[in-house]
Amino acid sequence: MTADYAFWTAIAVMTGASLLLGPRIRAGRIAMQWGFDGNPTWYAPKRLGLWGLVILALAVRLLIWTAMTYTPDKVHSAEVGLLLFSLIIAASHIFVLLRAARAQ
C-alpha cells in the first residue's frame, strides 16, 4: 500500500520526537488530554506518554493488516484510512510532547 510510506514516516517522526523531547520533559507525568478550559484533564506516566501512541499506531496497523489479509471483502478504503490515521496520530503525538516540554 502506498499509505504505508506515510505510516512508516509517521512512526519515524514520532520515534524521533520521543527521543528528542523525552530528555527535555522533566516531569514524571505528561498531560495527555485537555478540557475546554485549557487545563489538563488527565496525565500519563512519562514513559507511557512518550511511547504509548507509537505502540498504539503499530497495533492499529497490525489490525488493519490482519483485516486486509483475512477478510479482504470487508475492508474498504484502507489506504485512505491509514493515511489519515498516520497524519492525525503523528500530529497529536508531537502536540502533546511539545506542550509537555514547554510546561517546564
N, C-alpha and C. Protein backbone atom coordinates (compact mmCIF):
# COMPACT_ATOMS: atom_id res chain seq x y z
N MET A 1 0.83 -1.18 0.00
CA MET A 1 0.00 0.00 0.00
C MET A 1 0.88 1.25 0.00
N THR A 2 0.47 2.23 -0.73
CA THR A 2 1.20 3.48 -0.80
C THR A 2 1.13 4.24 0.53
N ALA A 3 0.02 4.09 1.25
CA ALA A 3 -0.13 4.78 2.54
C ALA A 3 0.88 4.28 3.57
N ASP A 4 1.47 3.12 3.32
CA ASP A 4 2.50 2.62 4.24
C ASP A 4 3.69 3.57 4.30
N TYR A 5 4.00 4.24 3.22
CA TYR A 5 5.09 5.22 3.25
C TYR A 5 4.79 6.32 4.26
N ALA A 6 3.57 6.81 4.24
CA ALA A 6 3.17 7.83 5.21
C ALA A 6 3.16 7.26 6.62
N PHE A 7 2.70 6.01 6.76
CA PHE A 7 2.65 5.40 8.08
C PHE A 7 4.05 5.26 8.68
N TRP A 8 4.96 4.69 7.92
CA TRP A 8 6.31 4.47 8.47
C TRP A 8 7.06 5.79 8.67
N THR A 9 6.76 6.79 7.85
CA THR A 9 7.31 8.12 8.09
C THR A 9 6.77 8.69 9.39
N ALA A 10 5.47 8.51 9.63
CA ALA A 10 4.87 8.98 10.88
C ALA A 10 5.49 8.27 12.08
N ILE A 11 5.72 6.97 11.97
CA ILE A 11 6.35 6.22 13.06
C ILE A 11 7.76 6.76 13.32
N ALA A 12 8.50 7.03 12.25
CA ALA A 12 9.86 7.57 12.41
C ALA A 12 9.83 8.95 13.05
N VAL A 13 8.90 9.79 12.64
CA VAL A 13 8.78 11.13 13.22
C VAL A 13 8.39 11.05 14.69
N MET A 14 7.44 10.17 15.01
CA MET A 14 7.02 10.01 16.40
C MET A 14 8.15 9.48 17.27
N THR A 15 8.91 8.53 16.75
CA THR A 15 10.04 7.98 17.49
C THR A 15 11.11 9.06 17.70
N GLY A 16 11.40 9.80 16.65
CA GLY A 16 12.37 10.89 16.76
C GLY A 16 11.93 11.95 17.75
N ALA A 17 10.64 12.29 17.73
CA ALA A 17 10.13 13.29 18.68
C ALA A 17 10.25 12.78 20.11
N SER A 18 9.96 11.51 20.32
CA SER A 18 10.07 10.94 21.67
C SER A 18 11.52 10.95 22.14
N LEU A 19 12.44 10.59 21.25
CA LEU A 19 13.85 10.57 21.63
C LEU A 19 14.41 11.98 21.84
N LEU A 20 13.96 12.93 21.03
CA LEU A 20 14.46 14.30 21.13
C LEU A 20 13.85 15.04 22.31
N LEU A 21 12.54 14.93 22.48
CA LEU A 21 11.86 15.71 23.50
C LEU A 21 11.80 15.01 24.85
N GLY A 22 12.01 13.71 24.88
CA GLY A 22 11.96 12.97 26.14
C GLY A 22 12.86 13.54 27.22
N PRO A 23 14.14 13.79 26.92
CA PRO A 23 15.02 14.35 27.95
C PRO A 23 14.64 15.78 28.37
N ARG A 24 13.93 16.49 27.53
CA ARG A 24 13.54 17.87 27.86
C ARG A 24 12.33 17.92 28.78
N ILE A 25 11.61 16.81 28.89
CA ILE A 25 10.44 16.74 29.77
C ILE A 25 10.93 16.27 31.14
N ARG A 26 10.93 17.18 32.09
CA ARG A 26 11.48 16.85 33.41
C ARG A 26 10.44 16.22 34.33
N ALA A 27 9.18 16.51 34.11
CA ALA A 27 8.13 15.98 34.98
C ALA A 27 7.99 14.47 34.80
N GLY A 28 7.51 13.82 35.81
CA GLY A 28 7.31 12.38 35.75
C GLY A 28 6.02 11.98 35.06
N ARG A 29 5.15 12.97 34.81
CA ARG A 29 3.87 12.71 34.15
C ARG A 29 3.67 13.71 33.02
N ILE A 30 2.94 13.28 32.00
CA ILE A 30 2.68 14.12 30.83
C ILE A 30 1.17 14.30 30.69
N ALA A 31 0.73 15.55 30.52
CA ALA A 31 -0.69 15.82 30.28
C ALA A 31 -1.07 15.24 28.91
N MET A 32 -2.11 14.44 28.88
CA MET A 32 -2.49 13.76 27.64
C MET A 32 -3.78 14.29 27.02
N GLN A 33 -4.58 14.98 27.83
CA GLN A 33 -5.86 15.46 27.33
C GLN A 33 -6.20 16.75 28.06
N TRP A 34 -6.83 17.70 27.35
CA TRP A 34 -7.17 18.98 27.94
C TRP A 34 -8.66 19.22 27.82
N GLY A 35 -9.21 19.91 28.81
CA GLY A 35 -10.62 20.27 28.79
C GLY A 35 -10.85 21.53 27.97
N PHE A 36 -12.10 21.95 27.90
CA PHE A 36 -12.44 23.15 27.14
C PHE A 36 -11.84 24.41 27.76
N ASP A 37 -11.52 24.34 29.05
CA ASP A 37 -10.93 25.49 29.72
C ASP A 37 -9.41 25.57 29.53
N GLY A 38 -8.83 24.59 28.83
CA GLY A 38 -7.40 24.60 28.56
C GLY A 38 -6.54 23.93 29.62
N ASN A 39 -7.17 23.42 30.66
CA ASN A 39 -6.44 22.72 31.72
C ASN A 39 -6.42 21.22 31.45
N PRO A 40 -5.33 20.55 31.82
CA PRO A 40 -5.25 19.10 31.60
C PRO A 40 -6.33 18.36 32.40
N THR A 41 -6.91 17.35 31.78
CA THR A 41 -7.92 16.54 32.47
C THR A 41 -7.33 15.24 32.99
N TRP A 42 -6.27 14.74 32.36
CA TRP A 42 -5.59 13.57 32.92
C TRP A 42 -4.15 13.52 32.44
N TYR A 43 -3.35 12.84 33.24
CA TYR A 43 -1.92 12.72 32.99
C TYR A 43 -1.56 11.24 32.85
N ALA A 44 -0.51 10.98 32.08
CA ALA A 44 0.03 9.63 31.94
C ALA A 44 1.46 9.64 32.46
N PRO A 45 1.94 8.48 32.92
CA PRO A 45 3.36 8.41 33.28
C PRO A 45 4.22 8.78 32.07
N LYS A 46 5.39 9.33 32.33
CA LYS A 46 6.24 9.84 31.25
C LYS A 46 6.52 8.79 30.19
N ARG A 47 6.86 7.59 30.59
CA ARG A 47 7.18 6.53 29.62
C ARG A 47 5.98 6.21 28.73
N LEU A 48 4.79 6.15 29.32
CA LEU A 48 3.58 5.88 28.53
C LEU A 48 3.28 7.06 27.60
N GLY A 49 3.48 8.27 28.10
CA GLY A 49 3.25 9.45 27.26
C GLY A 49 4.20 9.53 26.08
N LEU A 50 5.43 9.08 26.28
CA LEU A 50 6.42 9.12 25.20
C LEU A 50 6.20 8.01 24.17
N TRP A 51 5.83 6.83 24.61
CA TRP A 51 5.82 5.68 23.71
C TRP A 51 4.44 5.06 23.49
N GLY A 52 3.43 5.48 24.24
CA GLY A 52 2.11 4.88 24.13
C GLY A 52 1.48 5.03 22.75
N LEU A 53 1.56 6.22 22.16
CA LEU A 53 0.95 6.42 20.85
C LEU A 53 1.71 5.71 19.74
N VAL A 54 3.00 5.53 19.91
CA VAL A 54 3.77 4.77 18.92
C VAL A 54 3.30 3.32 18.93
N ILE A 55 3.14 2.76 20.12
CA ILE A 55 2.66 1.38 20.26
C ILE A 55 1.23 1.26 19.74
N LEU A 56 0.39 2.24 20.05
CA LEU A 56 -0.99 2.23 19.56
C LEU A 56 -1.02 2.25 18.03
N ALA A 57 -0.19 3.08 17.42
CA ALA A 57 -0.15 3.16 15.96
C ALA A 57 0.27 1.82 15.35
N LEU A 58 1.27 1.18 15.93
CA LEU A 58 1.70 -0.13 15.42
C LEU A 58 0.60 -1.17 15.60
N ALA A 59 -0.12 -1.12 16.72
CA ALA A 59 -1.21 -2.08 16.95
C ALA A 59 -2.35 -1.87 15.96
N VAL A 60 -2.67 -0.61 15.67
CA VAL A 60 -3.74 -0.33 14.69
C VAL A 60 -3.31 -0.79 13.30
N ARG A 61 -2.05 -0.58 12.95
CA ARG A 61 -1.56 -1.04 11.64
C ARG A 61 -1.63 -2.56 11.54
N LEU A 62 -1.29 -3.24 12.63
CA LEU A 62 -1.40 -4.70 12.65
C LEU A 62 -2.85 -5.14 12.48
N LEU A 63 -3.77 -4.43 13.12
CA LEU A 63 -5.19 -4.74 12.98
C LEU A 63 -5.66 -4.53 11.53
N ILE A 64 -5.23 -3.45 10.91
CA ILE A 64 -5.60 -3.19 9.51
C ILE A 64 -5.02 -4.27 8.60
N TRP A 65 -3.78 -4.63 8.82
CA TRP A 65 -3.16 -5.68 8.01
C TRP A 65 -3.90 -7.01 8.18
N THR A 66 -4.25 -7.33 9.42
CA THR A 66 -4.97 -8.58 9.68
C THR A 66 -6.31 -8.59 8.97
N ALA A 67 -7.04 -7.49 9.04
CA ALA A 67 -8.33 -7.41 8.37
C ALA A 67 -8.18 -7.51 6.86
N MET A 68 -7.16 -6.86 6.31
CA MET A 68 -6.96 -6.91 4.86
C MET A 68 -6.53 -8.30 4.40
N THR A 69 -5.84 -9.03 5.26
CA THR A 69 -5.35 -10.35 4.89
C THR A 69 -6.43 -11.42 5.00
N TYR A 70 -7.18 -11.40 6.10
CA TYR A 70 -8.12 -12.48 6.37
C TYR A 70 -9.56 -12.19 5.98
N THR A 71 -9.93 -10.93 5.87
CA THR A 71 -11.29 -10.58 5.43
C THR A 71 -11.23 -9.42 4.44
N PRO A 72 -10.58 -9.61 3.30
CA PRO A 72 -10.41 -8.50 2.36
C PRO A 72 -11.72 -7.97 1.78
N ASP A 73 -12.75 -8.81 1.73
CA ASP A 73 -14.03 -8.36 1.18
C ASP A 73 -14.75 -7.39 2.11
N LYS A 74 -14.35 -7.33 3.37
CA LYS A 74 -15.00 -6.43 4.33
C LYS A 74 -14.21 -5.15 4.58
N VAL A 75 -13.04 -5.02 3.95
CA VAL A 75 -12.19 -3.85 4.15
C VAL A 75 -12.38 -2.90 2.97
N HIS A 76 -12.74 -1.67 3.28
CA HIS A 76 -12.96 -0.66 2.25
C HIS A 76 -12.15 0.59 2.58
N SER A 77 -11.48 1.14 1.61
CA SER A 77 -10.71 2.39 1.74
C SER A 77 -9.67 2.33 2.85
N ALA A 78 -9.00 1.21 2.96
CA ALA A 78 -7.97 1.07 3.99
C ALA A 78 -6.82 2.05 3.75
N GLU A 79 -6.53 2.32 2.51
CA GLU A 79 -5.41 3.22 2.19
C GLU A 79 -5.68 4.65 2.69
N VAL A 80 -6.88 5.14 2.43
CA VAL A 80 -7.24 6.49 2.88
C VAL A 80 -7.28 6.54 4.41
N GLY A 81 -7.85 5.51 5.01
CA GLY A 81 -7.93 5.46 6.47
C GLY A 81 -6.56 5.43 7.11
N LEU A 82 -5.66 4.64 6.56
CA LEU A 82 -4.31 4.56 7.11
C LEU A 82 -3.56 5.87 6.94
N LEU A 83 -3.74 6.52 5.81
CA LEU A 83 -3.09 7.81 5.57
C LEU A 83 -3.57 8.86 6.58
N LEU A 84 -4.89 8.97 6.75
CA LEU A 84 -5.43 9.94 7.70
C LEU A 84 -5.02 9.60 9.13
N PHE A 85 -5.08 8.32 9.48
CA PHE A 85 -4.68 7.89 10.82
C PHE A 85 -3.22 8.26 11.08
N SER A 86 -2.35 8.03 10.11
CA SER A 86 -0.93 8.32 10.27
C SER A 86 -0.69 9.81 10.53
N LEU A 87 -1.34 10.64 9.75
CA LEU A 87 -1.17 12.09 9.91
C LEU A 87 -1.70 12.58 11.25
N ILE A 88 -2.89 12.10 11.62
CA ILE A 88 -3.53 12.58 12.85
C ILE A 88 -2.76 12.13 14.08
N ILE A 89 -2.36 10.87 14.13
CA ILE A 89 -1.69 10.38 15.34
C ILE A 89 -0.30 10.99 15.48
N ALA A 90 0.40 11.22 14.37
CA ALA A 90 1.72 11.87 14.46
C ALA A 90 1.58 13.31 14.93
N ALA A 91 0.61 14.03 14.39
CA ALA A 91 0.39 15.42 14.82
C ALA A 91 -0.01 15.49 16.29
N SER A 92 -0.86 14.57 16.72
CA SER A 92 -1.28 14.54 18.12
C SER A 92 -0.10 14.27 19.04
N HIS A 93 0.72 13.32 18.66
CA HIS A 93 1.87 12.96 19.48
C HIS A 93 2.84 14.13 19.62
N ILE A 94 3.13 14.79 18.52
CA ILE A 94 4.05 15.93 18.55
C ILE A 94 3.46 17.07 19.37
N PHE A 95 2.16 17.32 19.23
CA PHE A 95 1.50 18.36 20.01
C PHE A 95 1.63 18.09 21.51
N VAL A 96 1.35 16.86 21.93
CA VAL A 96 1.43 16.51 23.35
C VAL A 96 2.85 16.67 23.87
N LEU A 97 3.83 16.19 23.11
CA LEU A 97 5.22 16.26 23.58
C LEU A 97 5.74 17.70 23.62
N LEU A 98 5.41 18.50 22.62
CA LEU A 98 5.85 19.89 22.62
C LEU A 98 5.23 20.66 23.79
N ARG A 99 3.97 20.39 24.04
CA ARG A 99 3.31 21.06 25.15
C ARG A 99 3.90 20.64 26.49
N ALA A 100 4.24 19.36 26.61
CA ALA A 100 4.86 18.87 27.85
C ALA A 100 6.25 19.45 28.04
N ALA A 101 7.00 19.58 26.95
CA ALA A 101 8.35 20.14 27.05
C ALA A 101 8.31 21.63 27.41
N ARG A 102 7.31 22.33 26.92
CA ARG A 102 7.17 23.76 27.22
C ARG A 102 6.65 24.01 28.63
N ALA A 103 5.97 23.04 29.21
CA ALA A 103 5.36 23.22 30.53
C ALA A 103 6.39 23.33 31.64
N GLN A 104 7.63 23.01 31.34
CA GLN A 104 8.67 23.00 32.39
C GLN A 104 8.95 24.38 32.89
